[in-house]
Amino acid sequence: MKRVITYGTFDLLHYGHINLLRRAKELGDYLIVALSTDEFNWNQKHKKTYFSYEQRKQLIEAIRYVDLVIPEENWDQKKSDMHKYQIDTFTIGDDWKGKFDFLKEEGVEVVYLPRTPEISSSQIKNDLSMSKGNAATCLSHTDIDTNPSK
């Protein structure tokens, strides 16, 4: 059985998330989603989610492509997750391209899947904020160092 893992916050679930999860599942037989906890999102990613971890977990578990949801509590756990869950393929959106290549050293294939270009949670939040007259700010993926070896 080929095991695939992906990571994310999956807040304000939308069809871009579904596309990602469908394509991730197509890479193997068993899909694990490591869902960012509220604490991880706030303390390390510097973003607040609309839905709580438990609410997001319920949504992700209801998606037919997903076999298991685990908590993502910090950047460093990715290396140990590869071994703990006997992962064959790590996948994530291509907006993270190159950020997780260090996982190849753990013996897993790393696949960056193309994003659904016209939709993102950040864009939804920004659009909603702009409609209320507030400008939203959030970190770009290029601002985040994901390699725990550094």
N, C-alpha and C. Protein backbone atom coordinates (compact mmCIF):
# COMPACT_ATOMS: atom_id res chain seq x y z
N MET A 1 0.84 -1.17 0.00
CA MET A 1 0.00 0.00 0.00
C MET A 1 0.90 1.24 0.00
N LYS A 2 0.62 2.15 -0.92
CA LYS A 2 1.38 3.40 -1.03
C LYS A 2 0.71 4.47 -0.18
N ARG A 3 1.49 5.02 0.77
CA ARG A 3 0.97 6.02 1.72
C ARG A 3 1.42 7.43 1.32
N VAL A 4 0.45 8.33 1.33
CA VAL A 4 0.67 9.72 0.96
C VAL A 4 0.29 10.60 2.13
N ILE A 5 1.04 11.68 2.33
CA ILE A 5 0.70 12.65 3.38
C ILE A 5 0.74 14.05 2.81
N THR A 6 -0.16 14.88 3.31
CA THR A 6 -0.15 16.30 3.01
C THR A 6 -0.43 17.06 4.29
N TYR A 7 -0.04 18.31 4.31
CA TYR A 7 -0.17 19.16 5.48
C TYR A 7 -0.91 20.43 5.12
N GLY A 8 -1.64 20.97 6.07
CA GLY A 8 -2.28 22.24 5.82
C GLY A 8 -3.22 22.66 6.93
N THR A 9 -3.68 23.88 6.81
CA THR A 9 -4.63 24.46 7.75
C THR A 9 -6.06 24.14 7.34
N PHE A 10 -6.33 24.19 6.06
CA PHE A 10 -7.65 23.87 5.51
C PHE A 10 -8.77 24.65 6.21
N ASP A 11 -8.52 25.95 6.39
CA ASP A 11 -9.53 26.83 6.94
C ASP A 11 -10.37 27.36 5.79
N LEU A 12 -11.62 27.67 6.03
CA LEU A 12 -12.53 28.12 4.98
C LEU A 12 -12.45 27.17 3.78
N LEU A 13 -12.76 25.92 4.05
CA LEU A 13 -12.66 24.85 3.06
C LEU A 13 -13.34 25.25 1.75
N HIS A 14 -12.64 25.04 0.63
CA HIS A 14 -13.15 25.42 -0.68
C HIS A 14 -12.72 24.40 -1.73
N TYR A 15 -13.18 24.60 -2.97
CA TYR A 15 -12.93 23.60 -4.01
C TYR A 15 -11.45 23.45 -4.36
N GLY A 16 -10.64 24.45 -4.09
CA GLY A 16 -9.19 24.29 -4.28
C GLY A 16 -8.62 23.25 -3.33
N HIS A 17 -9.12 23.24 -2.09
CA HIS A 17 -8.70 22.22 -1.12
C HIS A 17 -9.13 20.83 -1.61
N ILE A 18 -10.35 20.74 -2.09
CA ILE A 18 -10.85 19.44 -2.56
C ILE A 18 -10.01 18.95 -3.74
N ASN A 19 -9.68 19.85 -4.65
CA ASN A 19 -8.82 19.48 -5.79
C ASN A 19 -7.48 18.95 -5.31
N LEU A 20 -6.89 19.63 -4.33
CA LEU A 20 -5.61 19.19 -3.79
C LEU A 20 -5.72 17.81 -3.17
N LEU A 21 -6.75 17.59 -2.37
CA LEU A 21 -6.91 16.30 -1.69
C LEU A 21 -7.21 15.18 -2.69
N ARG A 22 -7.98 15.47 -3.71
CA ARG A 22 -8.26 14.46 -4.75
C ARG A 22 -6.97 14.07 -5.47
N ARG A 23 -6.18 15.06 -5.86
CA ARG A 23 -4.92 14.78 -6.56
C ARG A 23 -3.92 14.09 -5.65
N ALA A 24 -3.91 14.45 -4.36
CA ALA A 24 -3.03 13.79 -3.41
C ALA A 24 -3.39 12.31 -3.29
N LYS A 25 -4.67 12.02 -3.20
CA LYS A 25 -5.13 10.63 -3.09
C LYS A 25 -4.76 9.84 -4.34
N GLU A 26 -4.77 10.47 -5.49
CA GLU A 26 -4.40 9.80 -6.74
C GLU A 26 -2.93 9.36 -6.76
N LEU A 27 -2.12 9.91 -5.87
CA LEU A 27 -0.70 9.55 -5.80
C LEU A 27 -0.46 8.25 -5.03
N GLY A 28 -1.49 7.72 -4.39
CA GLY A 28 -1.31 6.50 -3.60
C GLY A 28 -2.62 5.87 -3.22
N ASP A 29 -2.54 5.00 -2.20
CA ASP A 29 -3.71 4.24 -1.76
C ASP A 29 -4.31 4.76 -0.46
N TYR A 30 -3.51 5.44 0.34
CA TYR A 30 -3.92 5.85 1.68
C TYR A 30 -3.46 7.27 1.90
N LEU A 31 -4.40 8.19 2.16
CA LEU A 31 -4.06 9.60 2.31
C LEU A 31 -4.21 10.04 3.76
N ILE A 32 -3.12 10.58 4.29
CA ILE A 32 -3.10 11.17 5.63
C ILE A 32 -3.03 12.68 5.47
N VAL A 33 -3.88 13.37 6.20
CA VAL A 33 -3.84 14.83 6.24
C VAL A 33 -3.37 15.25 7.61
N ALA A 34 -2.24 15.95 7.67
CA ALA A 34 -1.76 16.53 8.92
C ALA A 34 -2.33 17.94 8.98
N LEU A 35 -3.26 18.12 9.88
CA LEU A 35 -4.03 19.36 9.99
C LEU A 35 -3.40 20.26 11.05
N SER A 36 -3.04 21.46 10.67
CA SER A 36 -2.40 22.41 11.59
C SER A 36 -3.32 22.74 12.76
N THR A 37 -2.78 22.61 13.96
CA THR A 37 -3.56 22.95 15.16
C THR A 37 -3.71 24.46 15.26
N ASP A 38 -4.65 24.87 16.07
CA ASP A 38 -4.86 26.31 16.30
C ASP A 38 -3.60 26.95 16.88
N GLU A 39 -2.96 26.27 17.83
CA GLU A 39 -1.75 26.80 18.47
C GLU A 39 -0.62 26.94 17.47
N PHE A 40 -0.43 25.95 16.62
CA PHE A 40 0.62 26.01 15.59
C PHE A 40 0.34 27.16 14.63
N ASN A 41 -0.91 27.28 14.19
CA ASN A 41 -1.26 28.37 13.28
C ASN A 41 -0.96 29.73 13.91
N TRP A 42 -1.33 29.90 15.16
CA TRP A 42 -1.15 31.20 15.81
C TRP A 42 0.30 31.47 16.18
N ASN A 43 0.95 30.51 16.85
CA ASN A 43 2.29 30.73 17.39
C ASN A 43 3.40 30.67 16.35
N GLN A 44 3.26 29.84 15.33
CA GLN A 44 4.36 29.69 14.37
C GLN A 44 4.03 30.21 12.97
N LYS A 45 2.78 30.10 12.55
CA LYS A 45 2.40 30.61 11.23
C LYS A 45 1.87 32.04 11.30
N HIS A 46 1.59 32.49 12.50
CA HIS A 46 1.09 33.85 12.75
C HIS A 46 -0.21 34.14 12.01
N LYS A 47 -1.12 33.18 12.06
CA LYS A 47 -2.44 33.41 11.48
C LYS A 47 -3.51 32.77 12.36
N LYS A 48 -4.65 33.43 12.37
CA LYS A 48 -5.79 32.95 13.14
C LYS A 48 -6.76 32.31 12.16
N THR A 49 -7.27 31.15 12.55
CA THR A 49 -8.24 30.47 11.70
C THR A 49 -9.65 30.92 12.05
N TYR A 50 -10.52 30.79 11.09
CA TYR A 50 -11.93 31.09 11.32
C TYR A 50 -12.57 29.94 12.09
N PHE A 51 -12.29 28.71 11.63
CA PHE A 51 -12.81 27.51 12.27
C PHE A 51 -11.76 26.93 13.21
N SER A 52 -12.20 26.35 14.31
CA SER A 52 -11.28 25.71 15.25
C SER A 52 -10.71 24.43 14.64
N TYR A 53 -9.66 23.92 15.28
CA TYR A 53 -9.05 22.66 14.84
C TYR A 53 -10.11 21.56 14.76
N GLU A 54 -10.90 21.41 15.80
CA GLU A 54 -11.90 20.32 15.83
C GLU A 54 -12.92 20.48 14.71
N GLN A 55 -13.34 21.71 14.43
CA GLN A 55 -14.29 21.94 13.34
C GLN A 55 -13.65 21.62 11.99
N ARG A 56 -12.40 22.06 11.79
CA ARG A 56 -11.71 21.77 10.53
C ARG A 56 -11.45 20.27 10.38
N LYS A 57 -11.15 19.62 11.48
CA LYS A 57 -10.92 18.17 11.46
C LYS A 57 -12.19 17.43 11.01
N GLN A 58 -13.33 17.83 11.53
CA GLN A 58 -14.59 17.21 11.12
C GLN A 58 -14.83 17.38 9.62
N LEU A 59 -14.55 18.57 9.12
CA LEU A 59 -14.73 18.81 7.68
C LEU A 59 -13.81 17.92 6.84
N ILE A 60 -12.54 17.87 7.23
CA ILE A 60 -11.56 17.08 6.46
C ILE A 60 -11.88 15.59 6.54
N GLU A 61 -12.28 15.11 7.71
CA GLU A 61 -12.63 13.69 7.86
C GLU A 61 -13.82 13.29 7.00
N ALA A 62 -14.67 14.25 6.67
CA ALA A 62 -15.86 13.96 5.87
C ALA A 62 -15.56 13.85 4.37
N ILE A 63 -14.35 14.18 3.98
CA ILE A 63 -13.99 14.14 2.56
C ILE A 63 -13.56 12.72 2.19
N ARG A 64 -14.16 12.18 1.16
CA ARG A 64 -13.94 10.77 0.81
C ARG A 64 -12.51 10.41 0.44
N TYR A 65 -11.71 11.35 0.06
CA TYR A 65 -10.32 11.06 -0.32
C TYR A 65 -9.42 10.85 0.88
N VAL A 66 -9.84 11.30 2.05
CA VAL A 66 -9.01 11.31 3.26
C VAL A 66 -9.25 10.06 4.09
N ASP A 67 -8.14 9.39 4.42
CA ASP A 67 -8.22 8.17 5.23
C ASP A 67 -7.93 8.42 6.71
N LEU A 68 -7.08 9.41 7.01
CA LEU A 68 -6.71 9.67 8.40
C LEU A 68 -6.33 11.14 8.53
N VAL A 69 -6.76 11.76 9.64
CA VAL A 69 -6.37 13.13 9.97
C VAL A 69 -5.58 13.09 11.26
N ILE A 70 -4.40 13.71 11.23
CA ILE A 70 -3.54 13.80 12.41
C ILE A 70 -3.25 15.28 12.68
N PRO A 71 -2.89 15.65 13.90
CA PRO A 71 -2.56 17.05 14.17
C PRO A 71 -1.15 17.41 13.71
N GLU A 72 -1.02 18.58 13.11
CA GLU A 72 0.30 19.15 12.83
C GLU A 72 0.54 20.19 13.91
N GLU A 73 1.54 19.93 14.77
CA GLU A 73 1.77 20.79 15.92
C GLU A 73 3.00 21.67 15.79
N ASN A 74 3.90 21.35 14.84
CA ASN A 74 5.10 22.17 14.63
C ASN A 74 5.76 21.79 13.31
N TRP A 75 6.66 22.65 12.85
CA TRP A 75 7.34 22.39 11.58
C TRP A 75 8.21 21.13 11.65
N ASP A 76 8.81 20.89 12.80
CA ASP A 76 9.80 19.82 12.94
C ASP A 76 9.23 18.41 12.84
N GLN A 77 7.94 18.23 13.03
CA GLN A 77 7.38 16.88 13.08
C GLN A 77 7.36 16.18 11.72
N LYS A 78 7.54 16.92 10.64
CA LYS A 78 7.43 16.31 9.31
C LYS A 78 8.40 15.15 9.13
N LYS A 79 9.64 15.34 9.55
CA LYS A 79 10.63 14.26 9.41
C LYS A 79 10.18 13.00 10.16
N SER A 80 9.77 13.16 11.40
CA SER A 80 9.36 11.98 12.18
C SER A 80 8.07 11.37 11.64
N ASP A 81 7.16 12.21 11.12
CA ASP A 81 5.91 11.69 10.54
C ASP A 81 6.19 10.76 9.37
N MET A 82 7.22 11.08 8.58
CA MET A 82 7.54 10.24 7.41
C MET A 82 7.82 8.80 7.84
N HIS A 83 8.49 8.66 8.98
CA HIS A 83 8.83 7.33 9.49
C HIS A 83 7.68 6.71 10.29
N LYS A 84 7.07 7.51 11.16
CA LYS A 84 6.00 7.01 12.02
C LYS A 84 4.85 6.44 11.21
N TYR A 85 4.50 7.11 10.10
CA TYR A 85 3.36 6.68 9.29
C TYR A 85 3.78 5.95 8.01
N GLN A 86 5.06 5.63 7.89
CA GLN A 86 5.60 4.87 6.75
C GLN A 86 5.17 5.49 5.42
N ILE A 87 5.50 6.77 5.28
CA ILE A 87 5.08 7.56 4.13
C ILE A 87 5.95 7.27 2.91
N ASP A 88 5.29 7.13 1.77
CA ASP A 88 5.99 6.97 0.49
C ASP A 88 6.08 8.31 -0.24
N THR A 89 5.02 9.12 -0.14
CA THR A 89 4.96 10.38 -0.88
C THR A 89 4.45 11.50 0.01
N PHE A 90 5.20 12.59 0.05
CA PHE A 90 4.79 13.83 0.69
C PHE A 90 4.32 14.76 -0.42
N THR A 91 3.16 15.36 -0.26
CA THR A 91 2.68 16.29 -1.27
C THR A 91 2.07 17.52 -0.62
N ILE A 92 2.14 18.62 -1.35
CA ILE A 92 1.62 19.90 -0.87
C ILE A 92 1.50 20.80 -2.09
N GLY A 93 0.80 21.92 -1.95
CA GLY A 93 0.63 22.85 -3.05
C GLY A 93 1.95 23.44 -3.54
N ASP A 94 2.00 23.75 -4.83
CA ASP A 94 3.25 24.23 -5.41
C ASP A 94 3.63 25.65 -4.98
N ASP A 95 2.79 26.30 -4.20
CA ASP A 95 3.19 27.59 -3.63
C ASP A 95 4.27 27.39 -2.56
N TRP A 96 4.50 26.14 -2.16
CA TRP A 96 5.56 25.78 -1.21
C TRP A 96 6.78 25.18 -1.93
N LYS A 97 6.82 25.26 -3.25
CA LYS A 97 7.85 24.59 -4.05
C LYS A 97 9.26 24.81 -3.48
N GLY A 98 9.96 23.70 -3.27
CA GLY A 98 11.32 23.72 -2.77
C GLY A 98 11.45 23.74 -1.25
N LYS A 99 10.40 24.12 -0.55
CA LYS A 99 10.47 24.28 0.91
C LYS A 99 10.59 22.96 1.67
N PHE A 100 10.18 21.86 1.03
CA PHE A 100 10.19 20.58 1.74
C PHE A 100 11.05 19.53 1.04
N ASP A 101 11.95 19.98 0.17
CA ASP A 101 12.84 19.05 -0.53
C ASP A 101 13.72 18.26 0.43
N PHE A 102 13.97 18.80 1.62
CA PHE A 102 14.79 18.10 2.61
C PHE A 102 14.16 16.76 3.02
N LEU A 103 12.87 16.57 2.76
CA LEU A 103 12.22 15.30 3.11
C LEU A 103 12.65 14.16 2.19
N LYS A 104 13.22 14.48 1.05
CA LYS A 104 13.74 13.44 0.15
C LYS A 104 14.82 12.63 0.87
N GLU A 105 15.54 13.29 1.77
CA GLU A 105 16.58 12.61 2.55
C GLU A 105 15.99 11.56 3.49
N GLU A 106 14.69 11.64 3.74
CA GLU A 106 14.00 10.66 4.59
C GLU A 106 13.47 9.49 3.76
N GLY A 107 13.78 9.48 2.46
CA GLY A 107 13.38 8.37 1.60
C GLY A 107 12.00 8.48 1.01
N VAL A 108 11.42 9.70 1.02
CA VAL A 108 10.08 9.87 0.46
C VAL A 108 10.15 10.70 -0.82
N GLU A 109 9.21 10.45 -1.67
CA GLU A 109 9.04 11.27 -2.87
C GLU A 109 8.35 12.57 -2.42
N VAL A 110 8.79 13.69 -2.96
CA VAL A 110 8.19 14.99 -2.66
C VAL A 110 7.54 15.51 -3.93
N VAL A 111 6.23 15.76 -3.86
CA VAL A 111 5.46 16.20 -5.02
C VAL A 111 4.77 17.52 -4.68
N TYR A 112 5.03 18.54 -5.51
CA TYR A 112 4.36 19.83 -5.35
C TYR A 112 3.24 19.90 -6.39
N LEU A 113 2.01 19.91 -5.91
CA LEU A 113 0.85 19.92 -6.81
C LEU A 113 0.46 21.35 -7.18
N PRO A 114 0.10 21.56 -8.45
CA PRO A 114 -0.34 22.90 -8.85
C PRO A 114 -1.58 23.32 -8.07
N ARG A 115 -1.60 24.56 -7.68
CA ARG A 115 -2.75 25.13 -6.96
C ARG A 115 -3.89 25.36 -7.94
N THR A 116 -5.08 25.45 -7.41
CA THR A 116 -6.22 25.91 -8.19
C THR A 116 -6.08 27.43 -8.19
N PRO A 117 -5.70 28.02 -9.32
CA PRO A 117 -5.22 29.41 -9.31
C PRO A 117 -6.23 30.47 -8.87
N GLU A 118 -7.49 30.25 -9.11
CA GLU A 118 -8.45 31.33 -8.86
C GLU A 118 -9.03 31.34 -7.45
N ILE A 119 -8.54 30.45 -6.56
CA ILE A 119 -9.14 30.37 -5.22
C ILE A 119 -8.06 30.10 -4.18
N SER A 120 -8.19 30.76 -3.03
CA SER A 120 -7.35 30.46 -1.87
C SER A 120 -8.04 31.00 -0.63
N SER A 121 -7.76 30.39 0.51
CA SER A 121 -8.34 30.87 1.77
C SER A 121 -7.88 32.29 2.05
N SER A 122 -6.61 32.58 1.76
CA SER A 122 -6.10 33.93 1.98
C SER A 122 -6.87 34.94 1.14
N GLN A 123 -7.17 34.57 -0.10
CA GLN A 123 -7.92 35.48 -0.97
C GLN A 123 -9.35 35.68 -0.45
N ILE A 124 -9.97 34.60 0.01
CA ILE A 124 -11.32 34.70 0.56
C ILE A 124 -11.30 35.65 1.77
N LYS A 125 -10.34 35.44 2.68
CA LYS A 125 -10.25 36.30 3.87
C LYS A 125 -9.99 37.75 3.47
N ASN A 126 -9.12 37.95 2.50
CA ASN A 126 -8.82 39.30 2.04
C ASN A 126 -10.05 39.95 1.42
N ASP A 127 -10.77 39.21 0.57
CA ASP A 127 -11.97 39.74 -0.06
C ASP A 127 -13.02 40.11 0.99
N LEU A 128 -13.21 39.23 1.98
CA LEU A 128 -14.17 39.51 3.03
C LEU A 128 -13.75 40.72 3.86
N SER A 129 -12.47 40.82 4.14
CA SER A 129 -11.96 41.94 4.90
C SER A 129 -12.11 43.25 4.12
N MET A 130 -11.80 43.20 2.84
CA MET A 130 -11.91 44.41 2.00
C MET A 130 -13.36 44.85 1.90
N SER A 131 -14.27 43.89 1.89
CA SER A 131 -15.68 44.26 1.80
C SER A 131 -16.14 44.97 3.07
N LYS A 132 -15.40 44.78 4.15
CA LYS A 132 -15.71 45.46 5.42
C LYS A 132 -14.84 46.70 5.62
N GLY A 133 -13.99 46.98 4.61
CA GLY A 133 -13.15 48.16 4.70
C GLY A 133 -11.86 47.96 5.45
N ASN A 134 -11.47 46.69 5.70
CA ASN A 134 -10.22 46.39 6.40
C ASN A 134 -9.28 45.66 5.46
N ALA A 135 -8.02 45.97 5.52
CA ALA A 135 -7.04 45.24 4.72
C ALA A 135 -6.45 44.12 5.57
N ALA A 136 -6.49 42.91 5.07
CA ALA A 136 -5.94 41.76 5.81
C ALA A 136 -4.46 41.61 5.48
N THR A 137 -3.70 41.15 6.46
CA THR A 137 -2.29 40.88 6.22
C THR A 137 -2.00 39.46 6.66
N CYS A 138 -1.13 38.79 5.90
CA CYS A 138 -0.70 37.46 6.28
C CYS A 138 0.67 37.20 5.67
N LEU A 139 1.39 36.26 6.26
CA LEU A 139 2.71 35.91 5.77
C LEU A 139 2.61 35.13 4.47
N SER A 140 3.56 35.35 3.61
CA SER A 140 3.69 34.56 2.39
C SER A 140 4.48 33.30 2.72
N HIS A 141 4.30 32.24 1.93
CA HIS A 141 5.06 31.01 2.15
C HIS A 141 6.56 31.26 2.02
N THR A 142 6.94 32.25 1.21
CA THR A 142 8.37 32.52 1.04
C THR A 142 8.98 33.13 2.29
N ASP A 143 8.16 33.62 3.21
CA ASP A 143 8.65 34.20 4.46
C ASP A 143 8.91 33.16 5.54
N ILE A 144 8.56 31.91 5.30
CA ILE A 144 8.61 30.88 6.34
C ILE A 144 9.71 29.87 6.03
N ASP A 145 10.59 29.63 7.00
CA ASP A 145 11.64 28.61 6.87
C ASP A 145 11.10 27.31 7.46
N THR A 146 10.97 26.28 6.63
CA THR A 146 10.36 25.03 7.06
C THR A 146 11.36 23.94 7.39
N ASN A 147 12.64 24.18 7.16
CA ASN A 147 13.64 23.14 7.37
C ASN A 147 14.13 23.17 8.82
N PRO A 148 13.81 22.12 9.60
CA PRO A 148 14.21 22.11 11.01
C PRO A 148 15.70 21.93 11.20
N SER A 149 16.45 21.56 10.15
CA SER A 149 17.89 21.33 10.26
C SER A 149 18.68 22.63 10.30
N LYS A 150 18.05 23.73 9.94
CA LYS A 150 18.77 25.01 9.91
C LYS A 150 18.79 25.65 11.26
